[in-house]
Amino acid sequence: MNDTKKEQRPSVLDLTWRDTDKLRRFVTETGKILPRRKTRLTAHEQRHLTRIVKQARNMLQML
């Protein structure tokens, strides 16, 4: 048995509009937010992602 814990990926729910480098992973080159089927996020995570990407755009962090 291996007693090491499985490493979990960082939660999208922990991201804020200031994390532009991490947010770029979920956005195309033209600035469109990728759909759920490509990002493999839950509906709740996708709604949160949409909100913070739009906040980053409004704060001119992501152009």
Protein backbone atom coordinates (compact mmCIF):
# COMPACT_ATOMS: atom_id res chain seq x y z
CA MET A 1 0.00 0.00 0.00
CA ASN A 2 1.08 3.47 -0.79
CA ASP A 3 0.21 5.89 2.03
CA THR A 4 0.98 9.07 0.12
CA LYS A 5 -2.00 11.30 -0.50
CA LYS A 6 -3.16 11.91 -4.03
CA GLU A 7 -2.14 15.37 -5.11
CA GLN A 8 -5.19 17.48 -5.87
CA ARG A 9 -5.32 20.09 -8.60
CA PRO A 10 -5.80 23.66 -7.45
CA SER A 11 -9.46 24.59 -7.32
CA VAL A 12 -10.85 27.03 -9.85
CA LEU A 13 -12.97 28.42 -7.03
CA ASP A 14 -9.80 29.74 -5.37
CA LEU A 15 -8.92 31.93 -8.36
CA THR A 16 -9.53 35.68 -8.37
CA TRP A 17 -9.41 38.29 -11.13
CA ARG A 18 -5.78 38.99 -10.21
CA ASP A 19 -4.63 35.49 -11.27
CA THR A 20 -4.40 36.40 -14.95
CA ASP A 21 -1.69 33.85 -15.79
CA LYS A 22 -3.85 31.00 -14.53
CA LEU A 23 -7.00 32.43 -16.13
CA ARG A 24 -5.39 32.51 -19.58
CA ARG A 25 -5.55 28.70 -19.57
CA PHE A 26 -9.34 28.94 -19.82
CA VAL A 27 -9.47 31.63 -22.52
CA THR A 28 -8.74 31.46 -26.27
CA GLU A 29 -6.26 33.73 -28.03
CA THR A 30 -9.14 35.94 -29.13
CA GLY A 31 -10.36 36.29 -25.53
CA LYS A 32 -13.34 33.93 -25.58
CA ILE A 33 -13.99 31.78 -22.53
CA LEU A 34 -13.63 28.07 -23.32
CA PRO A 35 -16.75 25.88 -22.92
CA ARG A 36 -17.19 23.28 -20.18
CA ARG A 37 -16.59 20.38 -22.50
CA LYS A 38 -13.07 21.66 -23.18
CA THR A 39 -12.17 22.84 -19.67
CA ARG A 40 -13.71 19.78 -17.96
CA LEU A 41 -15.08 21.97 -15.15
CA THR A 42 -18.29 21.50 -13.22
CA ALA A 43 -21.18 23.90 -13.85
CA HIS A 44 -20.49 25.67 -10.57
CA GLU A 45 -16.79 26.08 -11.40
CA GLN A 46 -17.58 27.29 -14.93
CA ARG A 47 -19.96 29.98 -13.62
CA HIS A 48 -17.30 31.15 -11.16
CA LEU A 49 -14.68 31.17 -13.92
CA THR A 50 -16.95 33.22 -16.17
CA ARG A 51 -17.49 35.77 -13.42
CA ILE A 52 -13.80 36.24 -12.63
CA VAL A 53 -12.72 36.38 -16.30
CA LYS A 54 -15.28 39.14 -16.86
CA GLN A 55 -14.02 40.95 -13.76
CA ALA A 56 -10.44 40.72 -15.04
CA ARG A 57 -11.54 42.14 -18.40
CA ASN A 58 -13.29 45.05 -16.68
CA MET A 59 -10.21 45.78 -14.59
CA LEU A 60 -8.15 45.72 -17.84
CA GLN A 61 -6.02 42.88 -16.53
CA MET A 62 -6.85 40.64 -19.50
CA LEU A 63 -6.96 42.22 -22.91
